[in-house]
Amino acid sequence: MAEPVWLAWPLGSRVTIRRRLSAGGYADVVGRLEEAGAEHVAVRHRDGRLRRVEAREIAIAHLITPPARAAEPPGARLPGGRQRQTRTARPPAD
């Protein structure tokens, strides 16, 4: 049997785990990987709750890439308080 993919993930990584529900269907667990073993994973939700998922319940497991940085608003300040230069479109020359 192949080694579970989550054993190679660094602790603290953002992950999503799709688990099989005993009543049928699936549910997703999304958060930071706190524990990873051959028999289970533990994922901490954004609100601080820790969810343990047994390996036999896992249907799919994915490592989530870090979120993109938010774009700076126009006129954002540079370090030292300097104003960032903004460029405006010029009308075409006649």
Foldseek 3Di string as FASTA:
>chain_A
DDQDPCVPDDFQFWKKFWFADPVGDIDIDTATWHDDDSFWTWGADPVGDIDIDTPVGTPDMDGDDDDDDDDDDQQDADPVRHTDDDDDDDDDDD
